[in-house]
Amino acid sequence: MKILMGILITLNIAVTMFIGGVSVASDQTKLNSQQIKEFLSDHYVVGTYKGREWKSFFNANGDTHYSETNGRPSNGRWKAEGDRYCSQWPPSATWDCYFITASGDELTFMPEFGGDNWPAVRLVE
């Protein structure tokens, strides 16, 4: 019986950590719109996505700058709404949105409709 309870508890934890088809680190908390604004505004965030290192700056006025190592930089717009981080990168007029979870300065961008997560670290200067 103890083994069965242990399995059920482990299964419950695994299901709880799997939200909307996106795996979430157990020590990270989902941020709301205000927390996203406070967390990103006037900060650099760095990470690796599909083997490519990237860096982005989130200006409090909604401008953002993204660059990859050995890649062409991009300028776009960002906002926090509906408890999601959303970005728009010209020439596209489409806003793509992500949920964000964070713990300390570590964060994860999670695509709204599934896909690969973007783990990253906020740089505090």
C-alpha atoms as a PDB file:
ATOM      1  CA  MET A   1       0.000   0.000   0.000  1.00  0.00           C
ATOM      2  CA  LYS A   2       2.850   2.430   0.826  1.00  0.00           C
ATOM      3  CA  ILE A   3       4.420   1.737  -2.571  1.00  0.00           C
ATOM      4  CA  LEU A   4       1.107   2.404  -4.333  1.00  0.00           C
ATOM      5  CA  MET A   5       0.645   5.675  -2.416  1.00  0.00           C
ATOM      6  CA  GLY A   6       4.199   6.713  -3.330  1.00  0.00           C
ATOM      7  CA  ILE A   7       3.492   6.022  -7.005  1.00  0.00           C
ATOM      8  CA  LEU A   8       0.234   7.986  -6.863  1.00  0.00           C
ATOM      9  CA  ILE A   9       1.906  10.954  -5.154  1.00  0.00           C
ATOM     10  CA  THR A  10       4.752  10.931  -7.709  1.00  0.00           C
ATOM     11  CA  LEU A  11       2.239  10.725 -10.560  1.00  0.00           C
ATOM     12  CA  ASN A  12       0.210  13.592  -9.084  1.00  0.00           C
ATOM     13  CA  ILE A  13       3.329  15.773  -8.835  1.00  0.00           C
ATOM     14  CA  ALA A  14       4.287  14.968 -12.445  1.00  0.00           C
ATOM     15  CA  VAL A  15       0.791  15.811 -13.692  1.00  0.00           C
ATOM     16  CA  THR A  16       0.729  19.026 -11.655  1.00  0.00           C
ATOM     17  CA  MET A  17       4.071  20.103 -13.159  1.00  0.00           C
ATOM     18  CA  PHE A  18       2.780  19.501 -16.697  1.00  0.00           C
ATOM     19  CA  ILE A  19       0.561  22.507 -17.417  1.00  0.00           C
ATOM     20  CA  GLY A  20      -1.153  22.966 -20.764  1.00  0.00           C
ATOM     21  CA  GLY A  21       1.212  20.587 -22.536  1.00  0.00           C
ATOM     22  CA  VAL A  22       4.293  22.463 -21.305  1.00  0.00           C
ATOM     23  CA  SER A  23       6.642  21.086 -18.699  1.00  0.00           C
ATOM     24  CA  VAL A  24       7.382  23.522 -15.864  1.00  0.00           C
ATOM     25  CA  ALA A  25      10.325  23.358 -13.478  1.00  0.00           C
ATOM     26  CA  SER A  26       8.929  22.550 -10.048  1.00  0.00           C
ATOM     27  CA  ASP A  27      10.693  25.467  -8.331  1.00  0.00           C
ATOM     28  CA  GLN A  28       9.418  28.110 -10.769  1.00  0.00           C
ATOM     29  CA  THR A  29       6.220  30.132 -10.332  1.00  0.00           C
ATOM     30  CA  LYS A  30       4.013  31.324 -13.192  1.00  0.00           C
ATOM     31  CA  LEU A  31       4.154  35.136 -13.432  1.00  0.00           C
ATOM     32  CA  ASN A  32       1.140  37.404 -13.922  1.00  0.00           C
ATOM     33  CA  SER A  33       1.177  40.455 -16.216  1.00  0.00           C
ATOM     34  CA  GLN A  34       2.406  42.883 -13.553  1.00  0.00           C
ATOM     35  CA  GLN A  35       5.148  40.482 -12.439  1.00  0.00           C
ATOM     36  CA  ILE A  36       6.252  40.002 -16.057  1.00  0.00           C
ATOM     37  CA  LYS A  37       6.522  43.796 -16.522  1.00  0.00           C
ATOM     38  CA  GLU A  38       8.540  44.171 -13.315  1.00  0.00           C
ATOM     39  CA  PHE A  39      10.725  41.150 -14.089  1.00  0.00           C
ATOM     40  CA  LEU A  40      11.669  42.120 -17.655  1.00  0.00           C
ATOM     41  CA  SER A  41      11.571  45.933 -17.761  1.00  0.00           C
ATOM     42  CA  ASP A  42      15.010  47.470 -18.325  1.00  0.00           C
ATOM     43  CA  HIS A  43      16.770  44.105 -18.025  1.00  0.00           C
ATOM     44  CA  TYR A  44      18.820  41.874 -20.262  1.00  0.00           C
ATOM     45  CA  VAL A  45      17.882  38.211 -20.512  1.00  0.00           C
ATOM     46  CA  VAL A  46      20.224  35.575 -21.947  1.00  0.00           C
ATOM     47  CA  GLY A  47      19.650  31.991 -22.921  1.00  0.00           C
ATOM     48  CA  THR A  48      20.194  29.191 -25.402  1.00  0.00           C
ATOM     49  CA  TYR A  49      17.542  27.987 -27.832  1.00  0.00           C
ATOM     50  CA  LYS A  50      18.159  25.007 -30.123  1.00  0.00           C
ATOM     51  CA  GLY A  51      21.886  25.349 -29.547  1.00  0.00           C
ATOM     52  CA  ARG A  52      21.996  29.079 -30.337  1.00  0.00           C
ATOM     53  CA  GLU A  53      22.975  31.585 -27.655  1.00  0.00           C
ATOM     54  CA  TRP A  54      20.778  34.677 -27.554  1.00  0.00           C
ATOM     55  CA  LYS A  55      20.448  37.931 -25.630  1.00  0.00           C
ATOM     56  CA  SER A  56      17.498  40.300 -25.398  1.00  0.00           C
ATOM     57  CA  PHE A  57      16.924  43.669 -23.755  1.00  0.00           C
ATOM     58  CA  PHE A  58      13.406  44.657 -22.660  1.00  0.00           C
ATOM     59  CA  ASN A  59      13.020  48.424 -22.482  1.00  0.00           C
ATOM     60  CA  ALA A  60      10.274  49.592 -20.106  1.00  0.00           C
ATOM     61  CA  ASN A  61       8.742  51.605 -22.987  1.00  0.00           C
ATOM     62  CA  GLY A  62       7.952  48.375 -24.873  1.00  0.00           C
ATOM     63  CA  ASP A  63      10.923  48.337 -27.255  1.00  0.00           C
ATOM     64  CA  THR A  64      13.008  45.164 -27.311  1.00  0.00           C
ATOM     65  CA  HIS A  65      16.284  44.180 -28.931  1.00  0.00           C
ATOM     66  CA  TYR A  66      17.157  40.539 -29.693  1.00  0.00           C
ATOM     67  CA  SER A  67      20.440  39.133 -30.942  1.00  0.00           C
ATOM     68  CA  GLU A  68      21.972  35.710 -31.402  1.00  0.00           C
ATOM     69  CA  THR A  69      25.656  34.885 -31.402  1.00  0.00           C
ATOM     70  CA  ASN A  70      26.810  35.274 -35.020  1.00  0.00           C
ATOM     71  CA  GLY A  71      23.296  36.323 -36.017  1.00  0.00           C
ATOM     72  CA  ARG A  72      21.569  39.440 -37.234  1.00  0.00           C
ATOM     73  CA  PRO A  73      20.034  41.566 -34.444  1.00  0.00           C
ATOM     74  CA  SER A  74      16.306  42.341 -34.430  1.00  0.00           C
ATOM     75  CA  ASN A  75      14.310  45.183 -32.929  1.00  0.00           C
ATOM     76  CA  GLY A  76      10.712  44.630 -31.919  1.00  0.00           C
ATOM     77  CA  ARG A  77       8.013  45.407 -29.379  1.00  0.00           C
ATOM     78  CA  TRP A  78       6.975  43.636 -26.199  1.00  0.00           C
ATOM     79  CA  LYS A  79       4.118  43.827 -23.714  1.00  0.00           C
ATOM     80  CA  ALA A  80       2.601  41.862 -20.862  1.00  0.00           C
ATOM     81  CA  GLU A  81      -1.098  41.130 -21.077  1.00  0.00           C
ATOM     82  CA  GLY A  82      -3.393  38.309 -20.061  1.00  0.00           C
ATOM     83  CA  ASP A  83      -0.635  36.955 -17.783  1.00  0.00           C
ATOM     84  CA  ARG A  84       1.582  36.392 -20.828  1.00  0.00           C
ATOM     85  CA  TYR A  85       4.669  37.979 -22.352  1.00  0.00           C
ATOM     86  CA  CYS A  86       3.944  38.955 -25.967  1.00  0.00           C
ATOM     87  CA  SER A  87       6.367  40.108 -28.648  1.00  0.00           C
ATOM     88  CA  GLN A  88       6.043  41.447 -32.166  1.00  0.00           C
ATOM     89  CA  TRP A  89       8.931  41.439 -34.622  1.00  0.00           C
ATOM     90  CA  PRO A  90       8.649  43.489 -37.849  1.00  0.00           C
ATOM     91  CA  PRO A  91       7.920  43.051 -40.628  1.00  0.00           C
ATOM     92  CA  SER A  92       5.308  40.741 -39.081  1.00  0.00           C
ATOM     93  CA  ALA A  93       2.318  42.414 -37.414  1.00  0.00           C
ATOM     94  CA  THR A  94       1.583  39.242 -35.404  1.00  0.00           C
ATOM     95  CA  TRP A  95       2.064  39.186 -31.638  1.00  0.00           C
ATOM     96  CA  ASP A  96       3.395  35.852 -30.308  1.00  0.00           C
ATOM     97  CA  CYS A  97       2.693  35.180 -26.647  1.00  0.00           C
ATOM     98  CA  TYR A  98       4.384  33.075 -23.977  1.00  0.00           C
ATOM     99  CA  PHE A  99       3.680  32.202 -20.380  1.00  0.00           C
ATOM    100  CA  ILE A 100       6.642  32.888 -18.106  1.00  0.00           C
ATOM    101  CA  THR A 101       7.666  30.991 -15.019  1.00  0.00           C
ATOM    102  CA  ALA A 102      10.495  32.207 -12.811  1.00  0.00           C
ATOM    103  CA  SER A 103      12.529  31.460  -9.729  1.00  0.00           C
ATOM    104  CA  GLY A 104      15.083  34.053  -8.688  1.00  0.00           C
ATOM    105  CA  ASP A 105      16.654  35.283 -11.918  1.00  0.00           C
ATOM    106  CA  GLU A 106      15.966  32.046 -13.820  1.00  0.00           C
ATOM    107  CA  LEU A 107      12.956  32.049 -16.104  1.00  0.00           C
ATOM    108  CA  THR A 108      11.302  29.949 -18.762  1.00  0.00           C
ATOM    109  CA  PHE A 109       9.370  31.275 -21.752  1.00  0.00           C
ATOM    110  CA  MET A 110       6.623  28.767 -22.591  1.00  0.00           C
ATOM    111  CA  PRO A 111       4.798  29.127 -25.935  1.00  0.00           C
ATOM    112  CA  GLU A 112       1.089  29.768 -25.493  1.00  0.00           C
ATOM    113  CA  PHE A 113       0.082  27.013 -27.922  1.00  0.00           C
ATOM    114  CA  GLY A 114       2.827  24.472 -27.221  1.00  0.00           C
ATOM    115  CA  GLY A 115       6.299  24.047 -28.636  1.00  0.00           C
ATOM    116  CA  ASP A 116       9.781  24.282 -27.199  1.00  0.00           C
ATOM    117  CA  ASN A 117      10.389  26.133 -23.936  1.00  0.00           C
ATOM    118  CA  TRP A 118      13.055  28.838 -23.772  1.00  0.00           C
ATOM    119  CA  PRO A 119      14.992  28.630 -20.485  1.00  0.00           C
ATOM    120  CA  ALA A 120      16.872  31.840 -19.724  1.00  0.00           C
ATOM    121  CA  VAL A 121      18.505  33.961 -17.033  1.00  0.00           C
ATOM    122  CA  ARG A 122      17.806  37.620 -16.257  1.00  0.00           C
ATOM    123  CA  LEU A 123      20.969  39.677 -15.872  1.00  0.00           C
ATOM    124  CA  VAL A 124      20.851  42.075 -12.946  1.00  0.00           C
ATOM    125  CA  GLU A 125      23.395  44.871 -13.116  1.00  0.00           C
END
